[in-house]
């Protein structure tokens, strides 16, 4: 969406605060021995307290309030009473929601407890690359150049990117134009970021895989070459200078 008045900006700030704080609280609440279903229900209760509706459930009928992906799962992991979190797991939580006709999206990967499996470097790479990518965005910048930056920085850090998962426009629905803000350079994408528009920018930084494949459950995404992926995402308003990071309260850069 494009921000055309103060009320729209206030609406986006509010729902972005809701999803950001929900993500932060879920990350802090997660503990070894907890099921992902229990963690999801905790997040769902927070959204309900704010009067917000789960975006994946509302839009796609997703079987959970949030997406929780563990270890080799890249994204869209279904919360389950059978999935028990363990010390050192690589966990990704993605929270998106709607409130009063406004939609926002954010997510983040983290290591649960002690980093006994050595995932923290991957997590830090994803965080720092997203920060650099977002701060390169302003009105008039080519979308493809941000993809080039993400891919280049991933290679410098010793990683790859998932090429078929992208950021996107957001605001009046969960997915809007621009439909694809890729993690790699697309020479055919001639579109530019527009001032005052709202987008969700996300990184998918990978140890081995470059493509995410949907599993038999119809939701969970795994890599074509295995390994692990860290994802981080913020909803922002594009300006003529530094973007306004609407979901900054999620604390993924803290």
C-alpha atoms as a PDB file:
ATOM      1  CA  UNK A   1       0.000   0.000   0.000  1.00  0.00           C
ATOM      2  CA  UNK A   2       0.938   3.634  -0.267  1.00  0.00           C
ATOM      3  CA  UNK A   3       0.571   5.869   2.763  1.00  0.00           C
ATOM      4  CA  UNK A   4      -1.668   8.759   1.719  1.00  0.00           C
ATOM      5  CA  UNK A   5      -2.720  10.208   5.084  1.00  0.00           C
ATOM      6  CA  UNK A   6      -1.835  10.310   8.765  1.00  0.00           C
ATOM      7  CA  UNK A   7      -4.567   7.820   9.728  1.00  0.00           C
ATOM      8  CA  UNK A   8      -3.109   5.200   7.407  1.00  0.00           C
ATOM      9  CA  UNK A   9       0.332   5.670   8.914  1.00  0.00           C
ATOM     10  CA  UNK A  10      -1.095   5.379  12.413  1.00  0.00           C
ATOM     11  CA  UNK A  11      -2.972   2.229  11.432  1.00  0.00           C
ATOM     12  CA  UNK A  12       0.182   0.642  10.041  1.00  0.00           C
ATOM     13  CA  UNK A  13       2.190   1.661  13.102  1.00  0.00           C
ATOM     14  CA  UNK A  14      -0.371   0.013  15.387  1.00  0.00           C
ATOM     15  CA  UNK A  15      -0.607  -3.365  13.660  1.00  0.00           C
ATOM     16  CA  UNK A  16       3.166  -3.401  13.164  1.00  0.00           C
ATOM     17  CA  UNK A  17       3.632  -2.842  16.895  1.00  0.00           C
ATOM     18  CA  UNK A  18       1.244  -5.734  17.569  1.00  0.00           C
ATOM     19  CA  UNK A  19       3.074  -8.247  15.389  1.00  0.00           C
ATOM     20  CA  UNK A  20       6.471  -6.981  16.533  1.00  0.00           C
ATOM     21  CA  UNK A  21       5.685  -7.324  20.224  1.00  0.00           C
ATOM     22  CA  UNK A  22       4.042 -10.715  19.656  1.00  0.00           C
ATOM     23  CA  UNK A  23       7.179 -11.983  17.938  1.00  0.00           C
ATOM     24  CA  UNK A  24       9.364 -10.642  20.732  1.00  0.00           C
ATOM     25  CA  UNK A  25       7.214 -12.169  23.473  1.00  0.00           C
ATOM     26  CA  UNK A  26       7.088 -15.548  21.713  1.00  0.00           C
ATOM     27  CA  UNK A  27      10.866 -15.582  21.310  1.00  0.00           C
ATOM     28  CA  UNK A  28      11.332 -14.801  24.998  1.00  0.00           C
ATOM     29  CA  UNK A  29       8.734 -17.388  26.040  1.00  0.00           C
ATOM     30  CA  UNK A  30      10.181 -20.302  24.028  1.00  0.00           C
ATOM     31  CA  UNK A  31      11.953 -22.898  26.185  1.00  0.00           C
ATOM     32  CA  UNK A  32      13.426 -26.386  25.670  1.00  0.00           C
ATOM     33  CA  UNK A  33      10.752 -29.035  26.293  1.00  0.00           C
ATOM     34  CA  UNK A  34       7.931 -26.811  25.008  1.00  0.00           C
ATOM     35  CA  UNK A  35       5.876 -27.905  22.008  1.00  0.00           C
ATOM     36  CA  UNK A  36       5.558 -25.569  19.035  1.00  0.00           C
ATOM     37  CA  UNK A  37       1.760 -25.802  19.410  1.00  0.00           C
ATOM     38  CA  UNK A  38       2.018 -24.450  22.965  1.00  0.00           C
ATOM     39  CA  UNK A  39       4.261 -21.616  21.766  1.00  0.00           C
ATOM     40  CA  UNK A  40       1.838 -20.852  18.930  1.00  0.00           C
ATOM     41  CA  UNK A  41      -1.142 -20.746  21.278  1.00  0.00           C
ATOM     42  CA  UNK A  42       0.775 -18.299  23.477  1.00  0.00           C
ATOM     43  CA  UNK A  43       1.290 -16.054  20.442  1.00  0.00           C
ATOM     44  CA  UNK A  44      -2.311 -16.459  19.336  1.00  0.00           C
ATOM     45  CA  UNK A  45      -3.509 -15.308  22.764  1.00  0.00           C
ATOM     46  CA  UNK A  46      -1.405 -12.152  22.481  1.00  0.00           C
ATOM     47  CA  UNK A  47      -2.882 -11.342  19.069  1.00  0.00           C
ATOM     48  CA  UNK A  48      -6.383 -11.913  20.463  1.00  0.00           C
ATOM     49  CA  UNK A  49      -5.693  -9.587  23.391  1.00  0.00           C
ATOM     50  CA  UNK A  50      -4.824  -6.832  20.905  1.00  0.00           C
ATOM     51  CA  UNK A  51      -7.939  -7.572  18.842  1.00  0.00           C
ATOM     52  CA  UNK A  52      -5.798  -8.652  15.885  1.00  0.00           C
ATOM     53  CA  UNK A  53      -6.455 -11.557  13.514  1.00  0.00           C
ATOM     54  CA  UNK A  54      -3.790 -14.041  12.429  1.00  0.00           C
ATOM     55  CA  UNK A  55      -2.962 -13.202   8.804  1.00  0.00           C
ATOM     56  CA  UNK A  56      -2.025 -16.714   7.578  1.00  0.00           C
ATOM     57  CA  UNK A  57      -5.134 -18.188   9.202  1.00  0.00           C
ATOM     58  CA  UNK A  58      -7.388 -15.422   7.891  1.00  0.00           C
ATOM     59  CA  UNK A  59      -5.929 -15.355   4.373  1.00  0.00           C
ATOM     60  CA  UNK A  60      -4.985 -18.959   3.675  1.00  0.00           C
ATOM     61  CA  UNK A  61      -6.628 -21.058   6.373  1.00  0.00           C
ATOM     62  CA  UNK A  62      -3.210 -21.902   7.825  1.00  0.00           C
ATOM     63  CA  UNK A  63      -3.469 -24.439  10.690  1.00  0.00           C
ATOM     64  CA  UNK A  64      -1.869 -22.198  13.319  1.00  0.00           C
ATOM     65  CA  UNK A  65      -1.840 -18.626  14.557  1.00  0.00           C
ATOM     66  CA  UNK A  66       1.800 -18.177  13.570  1.00  0.00           C
ATOM     67  CA  UNK A  67       4.367 -20.083  11.529  1.00  0.00           C
ATOM     68  CA  UNK A  68       7.009 -21.869  13.615  1.00  0.00           C
ATOM     69  CA  UNK A  69       9.805 -23.643  11.753  1.00  0.00           C
ATOM     70  CA  UNK A  70      12.453 -25.731  13.491  1.00  0.00           C
ATOM     71  CA  UNK A  71      15.960 -26.734  12.360  1.00  0.00           C
ATOM     72  CA  UNK A  72      15.848 -27.876   8.707  1.00  0.00           C
ATOM     73  CA  UNK A  73      12.434 -26.311   8.109  1.00  0.00           C
ATOM     74  CA  UNK A  74      12.823 -23.050   6.195  1.00  0.00           C
ATOM     75  CA  UNK A  75       9.386 -21.501   6.648  1.00  0.00           C
ATOM     76  CA  UNK A  76       5.635 -22.114   7.054  1.00  0.00           C
ATOM     77  CA  UNK A  77       6.192 -24.738   9.739  1.00  0.00           C
ATOM     78  CA  UNK A  78       2.889 -25.930  11.241  1.00  0.00           C
ATOM     79  CA  UNK A  79       2.736 -25.657  15.036  1.00  0.00           C
ATOM     80  CA  UNK A  80       2.373 -29.165  16.442  1.00  0.00           C
ATOM     81  CA  UNK A  81       1.927 -30.941  19.758  1.00  0.00           C
ATOM     82  CA  UNK A  82       4.418 -33.509  18.420  1.00  0.00           C
ATOM     83  CA  UNK A  83       7.248 -31.033  17.784  1.00  0.00           C
ATOM     84  CA  UNK A  84       9.189 -30.474  21.001  1.00  0.00           C
ATOM     85  CA  UNK A  85      11.774 -27.716  21.147  1.00  0.00           C
ATOM     86  CA  UNK A  86      15.286 -28.765  22.194  1.00  0.00           C
ATOM     87  CA  UNK A  87      18.348 -26.945  23.471  1.00  0.00           C
ATOM     88  CA  UNK A  88      20.316 -25.494  20.569  1.00  0.00           C
ATOM     89  CA  UNK A  89      17.475 -25.748  18.032  1.00  0.00           C
ATOM     90  CA  UNK A  90      17.368 -23.228  15.193  1.00  0.00           C
ATOM     91  CA  UNK A  91      13.862 -21.793  15.553  1.00  0.00           C
ATOM     92  CA  UNK A  92      12.045 -19.409  13.225  1.00  0.00           C
ATOM     93  CA  UNK A  93       8.859 -17.594  14.185  1.00  0.00           C
ATOM     94  CA  UNK A  94       6.888 -15.600  11.626  1.00  0.00           C
ATOM     95  CA  UNK A  95       4.061 -13.406  12.886  1.00  0.00           C
ATOM     96  CA  UNK A  96       1.696 -11.545  10.588  1.00  0.00           C
ATOM     97  CA  UNK A  97      -1.707 -10.150  11.460  1.00  0.00           C
ATOM     98  CA  UNK A  98      -4.554  -7.786  10.595  1.00  0.00           C
ATOM     99  CA  UNK A  99      -6.067  -5.040  12.750  1.00  0.00           C
ATOM    100  CA  UNK A 100      -8.697  -2.499  11.640  1.00  0.00           C
ATOM    101  CA  UNK A 101      -8.027  -3.231   7.965  1.00  0.00           C
ATOM    102  CA  UNK A 102      -4.231  -2.908   8.212  1.00  0.00           C
ATOM    103  CA  UNK A 103      -1.760  -5.774   7.853  1.00  0.00           C
ATOM    104  CA  UNK A 104       1.869  -6.211   8.923  1.00  0.00           C
ATOM    105  CA  UNK A 105       4.424  -9.012   8.786  1.00  0.00           C
ATOM    106  CA  UNK A 106       7.649  -9.829  10.616  1.00  0.00           C
ATOM    107  CA  UNK A 107       9.784 -12.796  11.548  1.00  0.00           C
ATOM    108  CA  UNK A 108      13.076 -13.936  12.966  1.00  0.00           C
ATOM    109  CA  UNK A 109      15.302 -16.958  13.504  1.00  0.00           C
ATOM    110  CA  UNK A 110      17.129 -17.584  16.774  1.00  0.00           C
ATOM    111  CA  UNK A 111      19.043 -20.277  18.594  1.00  0.00           C
ATOM    112  CA  UNK A 112      17.116 -21.703  21.526  1.00  0.00           C
ATOM    113  CA  UNK A 113      19.316 -21.695  24.610  1.00  0.00           C
ATOM    114  CA  UNK A 114      22.965 -22.620  24.168  1.00  0.00           C
ATOM    115  CA  UNK A 115      24.361 -22.714  20.630  1.00  0.00           C
ATOM    116  CA  UNK A 116      25.489 -26.344  20.844  1.00  0.00           C
ATOM    117  CA  UNK A 117      25.042 -26.935  17.086  1.00  0.00           C
ATOM    118  CA  UNK A 118      26.799 -23.805  15.849  1.00  0.00           C
ATOM    119  CA  UNK A 119      23.841 -21.997  14.242  1.00  0.00           C
ATOM    120  CA  UNK A 120      24.510 -18.554  15.716  1.00  0.00           C
ATOM    121  CA  UNK A 121      26.839 -17.383  12.941  1.00  0.00           C
ATOM    122  CA  UNK A 122      24.122 -18.061  10.373  1.00  0.00           C
ATOM    123  CA  UNK A 123      21.565 -16.191  12.479  1.00  0.00           C
ATOM    124  CA  UNK A 124      23.858 -13.189  12.864  1.00  0.00           C
ATOM    125  CA  UNK A 125      24.575 -13.127   9.137  1.00  0.00           C
ATOM    126  CA  UNK A 126      20.859 -13.036   8.334  1.00  0.00           C
ATOM    127  CA  UNK A 127      20.258 -10.228  10.846  1.00  0.00           C
ATOM    128  CA  UNK A 128      23.104  -8.043   9.612  1.00  0.00           C
ATOM    129  CA  UNK A 129      22.299  -8.585   5.938  1.00  0.00           C
ATOM    130  CA  UNK A 130      18.675  -7.601   6.489  1.00  0.00           C
ATOM    131  CA  UNK A 131      19.803  -4.468   8.334  1.00  0.00           C
ATOM    132  CA  UNK A 132      22.101  -3.482   5.487  1.00  0.00           C
ATOM    133  CA  UNK A 133      19.465  -4.244   2.847  1.00  0.00           C
ATOM    134  CA  UNK A 134      16.718  -2.254   4.550  1.00  0.00           C
ATOM    135  CA  UNK A 135      18.960   0.758   5.057  1.00  0.00           C
ATOM    136  CA  UNK A 136      19.763   0.773   1.336  1.00  0.00           C
ATOM    137  CA  UNK A 137      16.094   1.198   0.433  1.00  0.00           C
ATOM    138  CA  UNK A 138      14.516   4.514  -0.452  1.00  0.00           C
ATOM    139  CA  UNK A 139      12.202   5.795  -3.136  1.00  0.00           C
ATOM    140  CA  UNK A 140      13.611   5.225  -6.642  1.00  0.00           C
ATOM    141  CA  UNK A 141      16.006   2.391  -5.760  1.00  0.00           C
ATOM    142  CA  UNK A 142      15.713  -0.638  -8.046  1.00  0.00           C
ATOM    143  CA  UNK A 143      14.265  -3.673  -6.273  1.00  0.00           C
ATOM    144  CA  UNK A 144      16.767  -5.886  -8.097  1.00  0.00           C
ATOM    145  CA  UNK A 145      19.690  -3.982  -6.569  1.00  0.00           C
ATOM    146  CA  UNK A 146      18.550  -4.893  -3.071  1.00  0.00           C
ATOM    147  CA  UNK A 147      18.446  -8.532  -4.156  1.00  0.00           C
ATOM    148  CA  UNK A 148      21.969  -8.164  -5.494  1.00  0.00           C
ATOM    149  CA  UNK A 149      23.115  -6.714  -2.173  1.00  0.00           C
ATOM    150  CA  UNK A 150      21.569  -9.557  -0.152  1.00  0.00           C
ATOM    151  CA  UNK A 151      23.076 -12.246  -2.380  1.00  0.00           C
ATOM    152  CA  UNK A 152      26.491 -10.574  -2.409  1.00  0.00           C
ATOM    153  CA  UNK A 153      26.592 -10.168   1.354  1.00  0.00           C
ATOM    154  CA  UNK A 154      25.501 -13.778   1.854  1.00  0.00           C
ATOM    155  CA  UNK A 155      28.362 -14.995  -0.323  1.00  0.00           C
ATOM    156  CA  UNK A 156      30.837 -12.838   1.580  1.00  0.00           C
ATOM    157  CA  UNK A 157      29.670 -14.505   4.802  1.00  0.00           C
ATOM    158  CA  UNK A 158      30.052 -17.983   3.291  1.00  0.00           C
ATOM    159  CA  UNK A 159      26.367 -18.624   2.633  1.00  0.00           C
ATOM    160  CA  UNK A 160      23.782 -18.839  -0.141  1.00  0.00           C
ATOM    161  CA  UNK A 161      20.259 -17.477  -0.473  1.00  0.00           C
ATOM    162  CA  UNK A 162      16.883 -19.099  -1.087  1.00  0.00           C
ATOM    163  CA  UNK A 163      15.896 -17.785  -4.494  1.00  0.00           C
ATOM    164  CA  UNK A 164      12.184 -18.642  -4.601  1.00  0.00           C
ATOM    165  CA  UNK A 165      11.137 -16.971  -1.334  1.00  0.00           C
ATOM    166  CA  UNK A 166      10.817 -13.210  -1.328  1.00  0.00           C
ATOM    167  CA  UNK A 167       9.718 -10.129   0.530  1.00  0.00           C
ATOM    168  CA  UNK A 168       6.583  -8.339  -0.648  1.00  0.00           C
ATOM    169  CA  UNK A 169       4.320  -5.358  -0.402  1.00  0.00           C
ATOM    170  CA  UNK A 170       1.943  -5.301   2.566  1.00  0.00           C
ATOM    171  CA  UNK A 171      -0.618  -2.999   4.172  1.00  0.00           C
ATOM    172  CA  UNK A 172      -4.198  -3.493   3.053  1.00  0.00           C
ATOM    173  CA  UNK A 173      -3.660  -7.244   2.622  1.00  0.00           C
ATOM    174  CA  UNK A 174      -0.900  -9.684   3.514  1.00  0.00           C
ATOM    175  CA  UNK A 175       0.686  -9.801   0.049  1.00  0.00           C
ATOM    176  CA  UNK A 176       0.606  -6.829  -2.296  1.00  0.00           C
ATOM    177  CA  UNK A 177       2.728  -5.209  -4.970  1.00  0.00           C
ATOM    178  CA  UNK A 178       5.637  -5.346  -5.301  1.00  0.00           C
ATOM    179  CA  UNK A 179       4.990  -9.105  -5.286  1.00  0.00           C
ATOM    180  CA  UNK A 180       8.653 -10.106  -5.196  1.00  0.00           C
ATOM    181  CA  UNK A 181      11.525  -8.511  -3.301  1.00  0.00           C
ATOM    182  CA  UNK A 182      14.014 -11.263  -4.023  1.00  0.00           C
ATOM    183  CA  UNK A 183      17.133 -12.318  -2.110  1.00  0.00           C
ATOM    184  CA  UNK A 184      19.056 -12.476  -5.378  1.00  0.00           C
ATOM    185  CA  UNK A 185      19.657 -10.305  -8.415  1.00  0.00           C
ATOM    186  CA  UNK A 186      16.879 -10.502 -11.012  1.00  0.00           C
ATOM    187  CA  UNK A 187      17.957  -8.601 -14.144  1.00  0.00           C
ATOM    188  CA  UNK A 188      14.406  -8.788 -15.512  1.00  0.00           C
ATOM    189  CA  UNK A 189      12.895  -6.948 -12.568  1.00  0.00           C
ATOM    190  CA  UNK A 190      12.933  -3.293 -13.602  1.00  0.00           C
ATOM    191  CA  UNK A 191      10.632  -2.083 -10.808  1.00  0.00           C
ATOM    192  CA  UNK A 192      11.721   0.519  -8.286  1.00  0.00           C
ATOM    193  CA  UNK A 193      10.730   1.094  -4.689  1.00  0.00           C
ATOM    194  CA  UNK A 194       8.150   3.851  -4.360  1.00  0.00           C
ATOM    195  CA  UNK A 195       8.286   6.543  -1.705  1.00  0.00           C
ATOM    196  CA  UNK A 196       5.545   6.225   0.952  1.00  0.00           C
ATOM    197  CA  UNK A 197       4.859   2.584   0.089  1.00  0.00           C
ATOM    198  CA  UNK A 198       4.873  -0.216   2.678  1.00  0.00           C
ATOM    199  CA  UNK A 199       6.857  -3.408   2.158  1.00  0.00           C
ATOM    200  CA  UNK A 200       7.961  -6.432   4.173  1.00  0.00           C
ATOM    201  CA  UNK A 201      11.636  -7.093   3.481  1.00  0.00           C
ATOM    202  CA  UNK A 202      13.073 -10.468   4.471  1.00  0.00           C
ATOM    203  CA  UNK A 203      16.290 -12.433   4.190  1.00  0.00           C
ATOM    204  CA  UNK A 204      16.569 -16.188   3.639  1.00  0.00           C
ATOM    205  CA  UNK A 205      20.232 -16.987   4.244  1.00  0.00           C
ATOM    206  CA  UNK A 206      21.186 -20.611   3.647  1.00  0.00           C
ATOM    207  CA  UNK A 207      24.054 -22.994   4.383  1.00  0.00           C
ATOM    208  CA  UNK A 208      23.363 -25.336   1.446  1.00  0.00           C
ATOM    209  CA  UNK A 209      20.025 -24.990  -0.330  1.00  0.00           C
ATOM    210  CA  UNK A 210      18.949 -22.424  -2.918  1.00  0.00           C
ATOM    211  CA  UNK A 211      15.336 -23.540  -3.480  1.00  0.00           C
ATOM    212  CA  UNK A 212      12.541 -24.129  -0.953  1.00  0.00           C
ATOM    213  CA  UNK A 213      10.203 -27.030  -1.696  1.00  0.00           C
ATOM    214  CA  UNK A 214       6.728 -27.538  -0.216  1.00  0.00           C
ATOM    215  CA  UNK A 215       6.273 -30.801   1.670  1.00  0.00           C
ATOM    216  CA  UNK A 216       3.327 -33.225   1.645  1.00  0.00           C
ATOM    217  CA  UNK A 217       1.525 -31.335   4.414  1.00  0.00           C
ATOM    218  CA  UNK A 218       1.032 -28.528   1.880  1.00  0.00           C
ATOM    219  CA  UNK A 219       2.796 -25.912   4.009  1.00  0.00           C
ATOM    220  CA  UNK A 220       6.217 -26.758   5.419  1.00  0.00           C
ATOM    221  CA  UNK A 221       9.171 -25.705   3.271  1.00  0.00           C
ATOM    222  CA  UNK A 222      12.451 -27.643   3.148  1.00  0.00           C
ATOM    223  CA  UNK A 223      15.590 -26.907   1.129  1.00  0.00           C
ATOM    224  CA  UNK A 224      16.475 -28.733  -2.072  1.00  0.00           C
ATOM    225  CA  UNK A 225      19.967 -29.506  -0.757  1.00  0.00           C
ATOM    226  CA  UNK A 226      19.322 -29.735   2.967  1.00  0.00           C
ATOM    227  CA  UNK A 227      21.186 -27.658   5.501  1.00  0.00           C
ATOM    228  CA  UNK A 228      19.790 -24.743   7.478  1.00  0.00           C
ATOM    229  CA  UNK A 229      18.240 -21.359   6.733  1.00  0.00           C
ATOM    230  CA  UNK A 230      17.908 -18.232   8.893  1.00  0.00           C
ATOM    231  CA  UNK A 231      15.169 -15.721   8.106  1.00  0.00           C
ATOM    232  CA  UNK A 232      14.570 -12.210   9.415  1.00  0.00           C
ATOM    233  CA  UNK A 233      11.851  -9.802   8.321  1.00  0.00           C
ATOM    234  CA  UNK A 234      10.675  -6.273   9.009  1.00  0.00           C
ATOM    235  CA  UNK A 235       7.767  -4.202   7.712  1.00  0.00           C
ATOM    236  CA  UNK A 236       8.901  -0.731   6.648  1.00  0.00           C
ATOM    237  CA  UNK A 237       7.636   2.493   5.139  1.00  0.00           C
ATOM    238  CA  UNK A 238       9.860   3.685   2.302  1.00  0.00           C
ATOM    239  CA  UNK A 239      10.820   7.354   2.363  1.00  0.00           C
ATOM    240  CA  UNK A 240      13.128   9.603   0.377  1.00  0.00           C
ATOM    241  CA  UNK A 241      15.845   8.914   2.934  1.00  0.00           C
ATOM    242  CA  UNK A 242      16.032   6.362   5.776  1.00  0.00           C
ATOM    243  CA  UNK A 243      13.016   4.020   5.933  1.00  0.00           C
ATOM    244  CA  UNK A 244      10.710   3.907   8.939  1.00  0.00           C
ATOM    245  CA  UNK A 245      10.989   0.398  10.381  1.00  0.00           C
ATOM    246  CA  UNK A 246       7.465  -0.182  11.645  1.00  0.00           C
ATOM    247  CA  UNK A 247       8.180  -3.511  13.372  1.00  0.00           C
ATOM    248  CA  UNK A 248      11.432  -2.413  15.070  1.00  0.00           C
ATOM    249  CA  UNK A 249       9.919  -3.226  18.494  1.00  0.00           C
ATOM    250  CA  UNK A 250      10.415  -6.948  17.723  1.00  0.00           C
ATOM    251  CA  UNK A 251      13.999  -6.531  18.882  1.00  0.00           C
ATOM    252  CA  UNK A 252      15.543  -8.835  16.273  1.00  0.00           C
ATOM    253  CA  UNK A 253      18.560  -6.496  16.055  1.00  0.00           C
ATOM    254  CA  UNK A 254      18.938  -6.049  19.816  1.00  0.00           C
END
